[in-house]
Amino acid sequence: MRQALFVDTVNNMKKKRGRGRPPKDASEKKGQSLLVRLDDSEKEAFKDAADLAGVPLSTWVRERLRQIAGRELGKAARPVAFLRQS
């Protein structure tokens, strides 16, 4: 009986999904990174703001950079590469 319980437990473990979110498709992944040097206090403030917004720090930074780039490029009547329609 004990052996049957062990086999059943092993079989149930194989059926369970892995932890975490499912992997993204290649088309959804971001392929580039940007190194930005910050003071400790700057990073802490950005992290606090991201936490308040309920998003990861990298998402918060990317959203803010996209907003500002769109605004500044728009004022200069320049195209915004990430807004281009394919």
C-alpha atoms as a PDB file:
ATOM      1  CA  MET A   1       0.000   0.000   0.000  1.00  0.00           C
ATOM      2  CA  ARG A   2       2.803   2.395   0.830  1.00  0.00           C
ATOM      3  CA  GLN A   3       4.406   1.753  -2.549  1.00  0.00           C
ATOM      4  CA  ALA A   4       1.104   2.445  -4.335  1.00  0.00           C
ATOM      5  CA  LEU A   5       0.813   5.779  -2.507  1.00  0.00           C
ATOM      6  CA  PHE A   6       4.332   6.739  -3.606  1.00  0.00           C
ATOM      7  CA  VAL A   7       3.591   5.876  -7.258  1.00  0.00           C
ATOM      8  CA  ASP A   8       0.341   7.849  -7.132  1.00  0.00           C
ATOM      9  CA  THR A   9       2.170  10.869  -5.674  1.00  0.00           C
ATOM     10  CA  VAL A  10       4.837  10.701  -8.387  1.00  0.00           C
ATOM     11  CA  ASN A  11       2.163  10.477 -11.102  1.00  0.00           C
ATOM     12  CA  ASN A  12       0.328  13.511  -9.668  1.00  0.00           C
ATOM     13  CA  MET A  13       3.581  15.492  -9.604  1.00  0.00           C
ATOM     14  CA  LYS A  14       4.071  14.838 -13.318  1.00  0.00           C
ATOM     15  CA  LYS A  15       0.597  16.195 -14.088  1.00  0.00           C
ATOM     16  CA  LYS A  16       1.083  19.508 -12.289  1.00  0.00           C
ATOM     17  CA  ARG A  17       2.097  22.569 -14.272  1.00  0.00           C
ATOM     18  CA  GLY A  18       5.363  24.259 -13.488  1.00  0.00           C
ATOM     19  CA  ARG A  19       5.510  27.284 -11.252  1.00  0.00           C
ATOM     20  CA  GLY A  20       5.292  30.793 -12.626  1.00  0.00           C
ATOM     21  CA  ARG A  21       3.757  32.207 -15.768  1.00  0.00           C
ATOM     22  CA  PRO A  22       3.960  30.344 -19.069  1.00  0.00           C
ATOM     23  CA  PRO A  23       6.855  31.397 -21.300  1.00  0.00           C
ATOM     24  CA  LYS A  24       6.211  34.147 -23.853  1.00  0.00           C
ATOM     25  CA  ASP A  25       6.295  33.580 -27.587  1.00  0.00           C
ATOM     26  CA  ALA A  26       9.440  34.874 -29.286  1.00  0.00           C
ATOM     27  CA  SER A  27       7.399  37.681 -30.908  1.00  0.00           C
ATOM     28  CA  GLU A  28       6.349  38.955 -27.462  1.00  0.00           C
ATOM     29  CA  LYS A  29       9.825  39.047 -25.923  1.00  0.00           C
ATOM     30  CA  LYS A  30      11.823  42.238 -25.666  1.00  0.00           C
ATOM     31  CA  GLY A  31      15.211  41.750 -27.307  1.00  0.00           C
ATOM     32  CA  GLN A  32      17.133  44.869 -26.306  1.00  0.00           C
ATOM     33  CA  SER A  33      18.329  46.246 -23.001  1.00  0.00           C
ATOM     34  CA  LEU A  34      19.431  49.697 -21.865  1.00  0.00           C
ATOM     35  CA  LEU A  35      21.959  50.271 -19.110  1.00  0.00           C
ATOM     36  CA  VAL A  36      21.221  53.374 -17.056  1.00  0.00           C
ATOM     37  CA  ARG A  37      23.441  54.413 -14.178  1.00  0.00           C
ATOM     38  CA  LEU A  38      21.532  55.702 -11.150  1.00  0.00           C
ATOM     39  CA  ASP A  39      22.165  56.841  -7.621  1.00  0.00           C
ATOM     40  CA  ASP A  40      20.776  54.540  -4.944  1.00  0.00           C
ATOM     41  CA  SER A  41      18.160  57.168  -4.063  1.00  0.00           C
ATOM     42  CA  GLU A  42      17.023  57.471  -7.698  1.00  0.00           C
ATOM     43  CA  LYS A  43      16.583  53.733  -8.086  1.00  0.00           C
ATOM     44  CA  GLU A  44      14.745  53.527  -4.768  1.00  0.00           C
ATOM     45  CA  ALA A  45      12.363  56.318  -5.831  1.00  0.00           C
ATOM     46  CA  PHE A  46      11.734  54.698  -9.226  1.00  0.00           C
ATOM     47  CA  LYS A  47      11.112  51.336  -7.536  1.00  0.00           C
ATOM     48  CA  ASP A  48       8.687  52.952  -5.071  1.00  0.00           C
ATOM     49  CA  ALA A  49       6.803  54.597  -7.944  1.00  0.00           C
ATOM     50  CA  ALA A  50       6.655  51.300  -9.842  1.00  0.00           C
ATOM     51  CA  ASP A  51       5.335  49.546  -6.727  1.00  0.00           C
ATOM     52  CA  LEU A  52       2.618  52.206  -6.374  1.00  0.00           C
ATOM     53  CA  ALA A  53       1.680  51.668 -10.031  1.00  0.00           C
ATOM     54  CA  GLY A  54       1.626  47.906  -9.447  1.00  0.00           C
ATOM     55  CA  VAL A  55       4.091  47.106 -12.233  1.00  0.00           C
ATOM     56  CA  PRO A  56       7.679  45.839 -12.368  1.00  0.00           C
ATOM     57  CA  LEU A  57      10.396  48.492 -12.369  1.00  0.00           C
ATOM     58  CA  SER A  58      11.427  47.773 -15.981  1.00  0.00           C
ATOM     59  CA  THR A  59       7.818  48.168 -17.167  1.00  0.00           C
ATOM     60  CA  TRP A  60       7.443  51.438 -15.262  1.00  0.00           C
ATOM     61  CA  VAL A  61      10.658  52.864 -16.725  1.00  0.00           C
ATOM     62  CA  ARG A  62       9.812  51.714 -20.285  1.00  0.00           C
ATOM     63  CA  GLU A  63       6.302  53.241 -20.092  1.00  0.00           C
ATOM     64  CA  ARG A  64       7.660  56.587 -18.856  1.00  0.00           C
ATOM     65  CA  LEU A  65      10.397  56.694 -21.509  1.00  0.00           C
ATOM     66  CA  ARG A  66       7.858  55.889 -24.236  1.00  0.00           C
ATOM     67  CA  GLN A  67       5.571  58.710 -23.027  1.00  0.00           C
ATOM     68  CA  ILE A  68       8.351  61.297 -22.981  1.00  0.00           C
ATOM     69  CA  ALA A  69       9.902  60.172 -26.275  1.00  0.00           C
ATOM     70  CA  GLY A  70       6.506  60.320 -27.983  1.00  0.00           C
ATOM     71  CA  ARG A  71       5.837  63.799 -26.627  1.00  0.00           C
ATOM     72  CA  GLU A  72       9.273  65.217 -27.512  1.00  0.00           C
ATOM     73  CA  LEU A  73       9.447  63.636 -30.960  1.00  0.00           C
ATOM     74  CA  GLY A  74       5.872  64.738 -31.659  1.00  0.00           C
ATOM     75  CA  LYS A  75       6.734  68.368 -30.801  1.00  0.00           C
ATOM     76  CA  ALA A  76       9.652  68.167 -33.244  1.00  0.00           C
ATOM     77  CA  ALA A  77       7.384  66.605 -35.919  1.00  0.00           C
ATOM     78  CA  ARG A  78       9.660  63.574 -36.003  1.00  0.00           C
ATOM     79  CA  PRO A  79       8.402  60.006 -36.442  1.00  0.00           C
ATOM     80  CA  VAL A  80       8.136  57.819 -33.346  1.00  0.00           C
ATOM     81  CA  ALA A  81       9.657  54.446 -34.264  1.00  0.00           C
ATOM     82  CA  PHE A  82       7.608  52.393 -31.797  1.00  0.00           C
ATOM     83  CA  LEU A  83       4.354  53.910 -33.099  1.00  0.00           C
ATOM     84  CA  ARG A  84       4.970  52.996 -36.734  1.00  0.00           C
ATOM     85  CA  GLN A  85       2.278  50.878 -38.335  1.00  0.00           C
ATOM     86  CA  SER A  86       3.629  47.845 -40.214  1.00  0.00           C
END
